[in-house]
Each structure stands twice: as C-alpha cells, then as structure tokens.
Amino acid sequence: MGCIKITGLGRKEAMKYLEKNLSEYSSKFKDESEIISEVFTDVYNSKKPGEFSLKFMKECVKLIKEGGT
C-alpha cells in the first residue's frame, strides 16, 4: 500500500491521514484507486501541493524509472 509506505502509518491511521492531508474522497477506497488521481490534482492544480502528494509523486517517478515494478 503506497500511502502506508510513504506515511509509515498502519492502514487505519493512513486512511485518516489521507482524509486530512489529501482529500476525504481519496480515503474512501480501500484499494487506493483514487489516491493517484487526487495526488495528480493536488500537484498540478495547487500553488502549494501537500507533502504527501509530493512524496507520492516521487515514488511514482521512481517506479517508472525502475521499469514499473
């Protein structure tokens, strides 16, 4: 789970963190299916993206550079 890796929190705490620091919508899907769209929205539409969004994007870039694994 990407948000657990980035936050270092357990699943329940990570969902609460997402609700507070990204969006309520992103925290409602247990499969994390909406996190990436909310992160992209934050990064590309905010004047000051959140810390979680920036860390998540770094992880995405890292995965792409490693061949998507």
PDB file of N, CA and C in Angstrom:
ATOM      1  N   MET A   1       0.839  -1.179   0.000  1.00  0.00           N
ATOM      2  CA  MET A   1       0.000   0.000   0.000  1.00  0.00           C
ATOM      3  C   MET A   1       0.886   1.245   0.000  1.00  0.00           C
ATOM      4  N   GLY A   2       0.788   2.053  -1.031  1.00  0.00           N
ATOM      5  CA  GLY A   2       1.628   3.231  -1.203  1.00  0.00           C
ATOM      6  C   GLY A   2       1.552   4.233  -0.072  1.00  0.00           C
ATOM      7  N   CYS A   3       0.337   4.492   0.414  1.00  0.00           N
ATOM      8  CA  CYS A   3       0.219   5.512   1.454  1.00  0.00           C
ATOM      9  C   CYS A   3       0.817   5.032   2.772  1.00  0.00           C
ATOM     10  N   ILE A   4       0.806   3.741   3.033  1.00  0.00           N
ATOM     11  CA  ILE A   4       1.431   3.210   4.250  1.00  0.00           C
ATOM     12  C   ILE A   4       2.948   3.353   4.148  1.00  0.00           C
ATOM     13  N   LYS A   5       3.491   3.054   2.986  1.00  0.00           N
ATOM     14  CA  LYS A   5       4.935   3.176   2.777  1.00  0.00           C
ATOM     15  C   LYS A   5       5.388   4.624   2.957  1.00  0.00           C
ATOM     16  N   ILE A   6       4.628   5.549   2.409  1.00  0.00           N
ATOM     17  CA  ILE A   6       5.005   6.955   2.467  1.00  0.00           C
ATOM     18  C   ILE A   6       4.809   7.548   3.857  1.00  0.00           C
ATOM     19  N   THR A   7       3.703   7.213   4.506  1.00  0.00           N
ATOM     20  CA  THR A   7       3.411   7.806   5.819  1.00  0.00           C
ATOM     21  C   THR A   7       4.049   7.062   6.976  1.00  0.00           C
ATOM     22  N   GLY A   8       4.305   5.767   6.792  1.00  0.00           N
ATOM     23  CA  GLY A   8       4.839   4.960   7.886  1.00  0.00           C
ATOM     24  C   GLY A   8       3.782   4.600   8.918  1.00  0.00           C
ATOM     25  N   LEU A   9       2.517   4.802   8.565  1.00  0.00           N
ATOM     26  CA  LEU A   9       1.404   4.526   9.470  1.00  0.00           C
ATOM     27  C   LEU A   9       0.746   3.192   9.143  1.00  0.00           C
ATOM     28  N   GLY A  10      -0.038   2.671  10.061  1.00  0.00           N
ATOM     29  CA  GLY A  10      -0.859   1.500   9.794  1.00  0.00           C
ATOM     30  C   GLY A  10      -2.004   1.872   8.861  1.00  0.00           C
ATOM     31  N   ARG A  11      -2.713   0.876   8.371  1.00  0.00           N
ATOM     32  CA  ARG A  11      -3.764   1.111   7.377  1.00  0.00           C
ATOM     33  C   ARG A  11      -4.833   2.106   7.849  1.00  0.00           C
ATOM     34  N   LYS A  12      -5.371   1.877   9.038  1.00  0.00           N
ATOM     35  CA  LYS A  12      -6.439   2.733   9.547  1.00  0.00           C
ATOM     36  C   LYS A  12      -5.934   4.165   9.745  1.00  0.00           C
ATOM     37  N   GLU A  13      -4.763   4.305  10.316  1.00  0.00           N
ATOM     38  CA  GLU A  13      -4.187   5.624  10.540  1.00  0.00           C
ATOM     39  C   GLU A  13      -3.845   6.310   9.225  1.00  0.00           C
ATOM     40  N   ALA A  14      -3.370   5.522   8.248  1.00  0.00           N
ATOM     41  CA  ALA A  14      -3.029   6.081   6.935  1.00  0.00           C
ATOM     42  C   ALA A  14      -4.274   6.625   6.238  1.00  0.00           C
ATOM     43  N   MET A  15      -5.400   5.946   6.379  1.00  0.00           N
ATOM     44  CA  MET A  15      -6.642   6.421   5.767  1.00  0.00           C
ATOM     45  C   MET A  15      -7.094   7.739   6.411  1.00  0.00           C
ATOM     46  N   LYS A  16      -6.925   7.836   7.721  1.00  0.00           N
ATOM     47  CA  LYS A  16      -7.255   9.088   8.407  1.00  0.00           C
ATOM     48  C   LYS A  16      -6.319  10.207   7.952  1.00  0.00           C
ATOM     49  N   TYR A  17      -5.048   9.854   7.778  1.00  0.00           N
ATOM     50  CA  TYR A  17      -4.063  10.818   7.300  1.00  0.00           C
ATOM     51  C   TYR A  17      -4.452  11.333   5.910  1.00  0.00           C
ATOM     52  N   LEU A  18      -4.825  10.422   5.025  1.00  0.00           N
ATOM     53  CA  LEU A  18      -5.242  10.824   3.674  1.00  0.00           C
ATOM     54  C   LEU A  18      -6.443  11.747   3.714  1.00  0.00           C
ATOM     55  N   GLU A  19      -7.396  11.409   4.560  1.00  0.00           N
ATOM     56  CA  GLU A  19      -8.601  12.232   4.667  1.00  0.00           C
ATOM     57  C   GLU A  19      -8.238  13.659   5.077  1.00  0.00           C
ATOM     58  N   LYS A  20      -7.311  13.784   5.985  1.00  0.00           N
ATOM     59  CA  LYS A  20      -6.926  15.102   6.485  1.00  0.00           C
ATOM     60  C   LYS A  20      -5.959  15.824   5.544  1.00  0.00           C
ATOM     61  N   ASN A  21      -5.023  15.096   4.929  1.00  0.00           N
ATOM     62  CA  ASN A  21      -3.930  15.722   4.193  1.00  0.00           C
ATOM     63  C   ASN A  21      -4.028  15.654   2.677  1.00  0.00           C
ATOM     64  N   LEU A  22      -4.983  14.908   2.154  1.00  0.00           N
ATOM     65  CA  LEU A  22      -5.156  14.853   0.707  1.00  0.00           C
ATOM     66  C   LEU A  22      -6.602  15.186   0.364  1.00  0.00           C
ATOM     67  N   SER A  23      -7.497  14.258   0.643  1.00  0.00           N
ATOM     68  CA  SER A  23      -8.928  14.519   0.452  1.00  0.00           C
ATOM     69  C   SER A  23      -9.736  13.414   1.110  1.00  0.00           C
ATOM     70  N   GLU A  24     -10.929  13.745   1.501  1.00  0.00           N
ATOM     71  CA  GLU A  24     -11.819  12.742   2.075  1.00  0.00           C
ATOM     72  C   GLU A  24     -12.092  11.643   1.039  1.00  0.00           C
ATOM     73  N   TYR A  25     -12.278  12.068  -0.202  1.00  0.00           N
ATOM     74  CA  TYR A  25     -12.568  11.134  -1.289  1.00  0.00           C
ATOM     75  C   TYR A  25     -11.472  10.080  -1.426  1.00  0.00           C
ATOM     76  N   SER A  26     -10.219  10.488  -1.352  1.00  0.00           N
ATOM     77  CA  SER A  26      -9.113   9.544  -1.531  1.00  0.00           C
ATOM     78  C   SER A  26      -9.067   8.490  -0.445  1.00  0.00           C
ATOM     79  N   SER A  27      -9.615   8.785   0.717  1.00  0.00           N
ATOM     80  CA  SER A  27      -9.546   7.851   1.840  1.00  0.00           C
ATOM     81  C   SER A  27     -10.697   6.850   1.861  1.00  0.00           C
ATOM     82  N   LYS A  28     -11.634   6.959   0.961  1.00  0.00           N
ATOM     83  CA  LYS A  28     -12.831   6.113   0.981  1.00  0.00           C
ATOM     84  C   LYS A  28     -12.673   4.784   0.231  1.00  0.00           C
ATOM     85  N   PHE A  29     -11.573   4.618  -0.501  1.00  0.00           N
ATOM     86  CA  PHE A  29     -11.385   3.422  -1.308  1.00  0.00           C
ATOM     87  C   PHE A  29     -10.259   2.577  -0.734  1.00  0.00           C
ATOM     88  N   LYS A  30     -10.590   1.404  -0.218  1.00  0.00           N
ATOM     89  CA  LYS A  30      -9.595   0.543   0.421  1.00  0.00           C
ATOM     90  C   LYS A  30      -8.519   0.074  -0.550  1.00  0.00           C
ATOM     91  N   ASP A  31      -8.834   0.061  -1.855  1.00  0.00           N
ATOM     92  CA  ASP A  31      -7.848  -0.384  -2.836  1.00  0.00           C
ATOM     93  C   ASP A  31      -6.958   0.755  -3.333  1.00  0.00           C
ATOM     94  N   GLU A  32      -7.094   1.926  -2.749  1.00  0.00           N
ATOM     95  CA  GLU A  32      -6.290   3.106  -3.084  1.00  0.00           C
ATOM     96  C   GLU A  32      -6.510   3.607  -4.511  1.00  0.00           C
ATOM     97  N   SER A  33      -7.587   3.212  -5.129  1.00  0.00           N
ATOM     98  CA  SER A  33      -7.804   3.528  -6.541  1.00  0.00           C
ATOM     99  C   SER A  33      -7.922   5.011  -6.846  1.00  0.00           C
ATOM    100  N   GLU A  34      -8.255   5.815  -5.881  1.00  0.00           N
ATOM    101  CA  GLU A  34      -8.420   7.244  -6.149  1.00  0.00           C
ATOM    102  C   GLU A  34      -7.277   8.111  -5.624  1.00  0.00           C
ATOM    103  N   ILE A  35      -6.325   7.499  -4.979  1.00  0.00           N
ATOM    104  CA  ILE A  35      -5.222   8.285  -4.438  1.00  0.00           C
ATOM    105  C   ILE A  35      -4.430   8.956  -5.548  1.00  0.00           C
ATOM    106  N   ILE A  36      -4.086   8.214  -6.581  1.00  0.00           N
ATOM    107  CA  ILE A  36      -3.242   8.788  -7.630  1.00  0.00           C
ATOM    108  C   ILE A  36      -3.916   9.960  -8.329  1.00  0.00           C
ATOM    109  N   SER A  37      -5.219   9.867  -8.583  1.00  0.00           N
ATOM    110  CA  SER A  37      -5.896  10.989  -9.244  1.00  0.00           C
ATOM    111  C   SER A  37      -5.963  12.207  -8.329  1.00  0.00           C
ATOM    112  N   GLU A  38      -6.150  11.974  -7.042  1.00  0.00           N
ATOM    113  CA  GLU A  38      -6.181  13.087  -6.096  1.00  0.00           C
ATOM    114  C   GLU A  38      -4.788  13.710  -5.946  1.00  0.00           C
ATOM    115  N   VAL A  39      -3.756  12.879  -5.969  1.00  0.00           N
ATOM    116  CA  VAL A  39      -2.381  13.385  -5.888  1.00  0.00           C
ATOM    117  C   VAL A  39      -2.067  14.232  -7.121  1.00  0.00           C
ATOM    118  N   PHE A  40      -2.391  13.723  -8.305  1.00  0.00           N
ATOM    119  CA  PHE A  40      -2.135  14.480  -9.534  1.00  0.00           C
ATOM    120  C   PHE A  40      -2.889  15.808  -9.511  1.00  0.00           C
ATOM    121  N   THR A  41      -4.117  15.793  -9.059  1.00  0.00           N
ATOM    122  CA  THR A  41      -4.901  17.026  -8.957  1.00  0.00           C
ATOM    123  C   THR A  41      -4.212  18.008  -8.025  1.00  0.00           C
ATOM    124  N   ASP A  42      -3.752  17.525  -6.888  1.00  0.00           N
ATOM    125  CA  ASP A  42      -3.081  18.384  -5.921  1.00  0.00           C
ATOM    126  C   ASP A  42      -1.790  18.956  -6.498  1.00  0.00           C
ATOM    127  N   VAL A  43      -0.967  18.095  -7.095  1.00  0.00           N
ATOM    128  CA  VAL A  43       0.342  18.528  -7.601  1.00  0.00           C
ATOM    129  C   VAL A  43       0.202  19.505  -8.768  1.00  0.00           C
ATOM    130  N   TYR A  44      -0.678  19.210  -9.680  1.00  0.00           N
ATOM    131  CA  TYR A  44      -0.758  20.019 -10.898  1.00  0.00           C
ATOM    132  C   TYR A  44      -1.763  21.165 -10.836  1.00  0.00           C
ATOM    133  N   ASN A  45      -2.602  21.222  -9.820  1.00  0.00           N
ATOM    134  CA  ASN A  45      -3.588  22.303  -9.735  1.00  0.00           C
ATOM    135  C   ASN A  45      -3.437  23.176  -8.502  1.00  0.00           C
ATOM    136  N   SER A  46      -2.504  22.860  -7.636  1.00  0.00           N
ATOM    137  CA  SER A  46      -2.315  23.656  -6.418  1.00  0.00           C
ATOM    138  C   SER A  46      -1.071  24.525  -6.551  1.00  0.00           C
ATOM    139  N   LYS A  47      -1.144  25.687  -5.975  1.00  0.00           N
ATOM    140  CA  LYS A  47       0.044  26.540  -5.940  1.00  0.00           C
ATOM    141  C   LYS A  47       1.071  25.980  -4.968  1.00  0.00           C
ATOM    142  N   LYS A  48       0.572  25.272  -3.952  1.00  0.00           N
ATOM    143  CA  LYS A  48       1.463  24.649  -2.962  1.00  0.00           C
ATOM    144  C   LYS A  48       0.945  23.248  -2.663  1.00  0.00           C
ATOM    145  N   PRO A  49       1.410  22.257  -3.453  1.00  0.00           N
ATOM    146  CA  PRO A  49       0.967  20.876  -3.219  1.00  0.00           C
ATOM    147  C   PRO A  49       1.367  20.388  -1.830  1.00  0.00           C
ATOM    148  N   GLY A  50       0.575  19.458  -1.305  1.00  0.00           N
ATOM    149  CA  GLY A  50       0.848  18.898   0.003  1.00  0.00           C
ATOM    150  C   GLY A  50       2.066  17.989   0.027  1.00  0.00           C
ATOM    151  N   GLU A  51       2.610  17.813   1.206  1.00  0.00           N
ATOM    152  CA  GLU A  51       3.806  16.990   1.398  1.00  0.00           C
ATOM    153  C   GLU A  51       3.570  15.547   0.939  1.00  0.00           C
ATOM    154  N   PHE A  52       2.406  14.985   1.299  1.00  0.00           N
ATOM    155  CA  PHE A  52       2.115  13.619   0.884  1.00  0.00           C
ATOM    156  C   PHE A  52       2.095  13.506  -0.637  1.00  0.00           C
ATOM    157  N   SER A  53       1.458  14.449  -1.305  1.00  0.00           N
ATOM    158  CA  SER A  53       1.355  14.412  -2.765  1.00  0.00           C
ATOM    159  C   SER A  53       2.729  14.438  -3.416  1.00  0.00           C
ATOM    160  N   LEU A  54       3.606  15.287  -2.914  1.00  0.00           N
ATOM    161  CA  LEU A  54       4.951  15.378  -3.483  1.00  0.00           C
ATOM    162  C   LEU A  54       5.739  14.087  -3.259  1.00  0.00           C
ATOM    163  N   LYS A  55       5.614  13.501  -2.067  1.00  0.00           N
ATOM    164  CA  LYS A  55       6.298  12.230  -1.796  1.00  0.00           C
ATOM    165  C   LYS A  55       5.739  11.112  -2.671  1.00  0.00           C
ATOM    166  N   PHE A  56       4.420  11.092  -2.846  1.00  0.00           N
ATOM    167  CA  PHE A  56       3.784  10.068  -3.678  1.00  0.00           C
ATOM    168  C   PHE A  56       4.267  10.183  -5.122  1.00  0.00           C
ATOM    169  N   MET A  57       4.358  11.405  -5.623  1.00  0.00           N
ATOM    170  CA  MET A  57       4.834  11.609  -6.995  1.00  0.00           C
ATOM    171  C   MET A  57       6.279  11.141  -7.149  1.00  0.00           C
ATOM    172  N   LYS A  58       7.104  11.387  -6.146  1.00  0.00           N
ATOM    173  CA  LYS A  58       8.491  10.904  -6.199  1.00  0.00           C
ATOM    174  C   LYS A  58       8.527   9.386  -6.301  1.00  0.00           C
ATOM    175  N   GLU A  59       7.658   8.715  -5.555  1.00  0.00           N
ATOM    176  CA  GLU A  59       7.585   7.250  -5.621  1.00  0.00           C
ATOM    177  C   GLU A  59       7.126   6.798  -7.008  1.00  0.00           C
ATOM    178  N   CYS A  60       6.182   7.510  -7.608  1.00  0.00           N
ATOM    179  CA  CYS A  60       5.717   7.176  -8.964  1.00  0.00           C
ATOM    180  C   CYS A  60       6.858   7.293  -9.966  1.00  0.00           C
ATOM    181  N   VAL A  61       7.618   8.378  -9.881  1.00  0.00           N
ATOM    182  CA  VAL A  61       8.758   8.583 -10.790  1.00  0.00           C
ATOM    183  C   VAL A  61       9.780   7.480 -10.597  1.00  0.00           C
ATOM    184  N   LYS A  62      10.044   7.137  -9.354  1.00  0.00           N
ATOM    185  CA  LYS A  62      10.992   6.066  -9.047  1.00  0.00           C
ATOM    186  C   LYS A  62      10.542   4.742  -9.672  1.00  0.00           C
ATOM    187  N   LEU A  63       9.268   4.419  -9.536  1.00  0.00           N
ATOM    188  CA  LEU A  63       8.743   3.180 -10.132  1.00  0.00           C
ATOM    189  C   LEU A  63       8.868   3.177 -11.646  1.00  0.00           C
ATOM    190  N   ILE A  64       8.592   4.293 -12.260  1.00  0.00           N
ATOM    191  CA  ILE A  64       8.694   4.398 -13.720  1.00  0.00           C
ATOM    192  C   ILE A  64      10.144   4.191 -14.152  1.00  0.00           C
ATOM    193  N   LYS A  65      11.073   4.817 -13.457  1.00  0.00           N
ATOM    194  CA  LYS A  65      12.484   4.685 -13.789  1.00  0.00           C
ATOM    195  C   LYS A  65      12.979   3.251 -13.599  1.00  0.00           C
ATOM    196  N   GLU A  66      12.370   2.542 -12.661  1.00  0.00           N
ATOM    197  CA  GLU A  66      12.761   1.144 -12.397  1.00  0.00           C
ATOM    198  C   GLU A  66      12.037   0.168 -13.317  1.00  0.00           C
ATOM    199  N   GLY A  67      11.247   0.665 -14.218  1.00  0.00           N
ATOM    200  CA  GLY A  67      10.539  -0.203 -15.161  1.00  0.00           C
ATOM    201  C   GLY A  67       9.149  -0.584 -14.720  1.00  0.00           C
ATOM    202  N   GLY A  68       8.579   0.136 -13.775  1.00  0.00           N
ATOM    203  CA  GLY A  68       7.206  -0.104 -13.378  1.00  0.00           C
ATOM    204  C   GLY A  68       6.995  -1.272 -12.441  1.00  0.00           C
ATOM    205  N   THR A  69       8.039  -1.711 -11.774  1.00  0.00           N
ATOM    206  CA  THR A  69       7.891  -2.834 -10.855  1.00  0.00           C
ATOM    207  C   THR A  69       7.793  -2.389  -9.435  1.00  0.00           C
TER     208      THR A  69
END
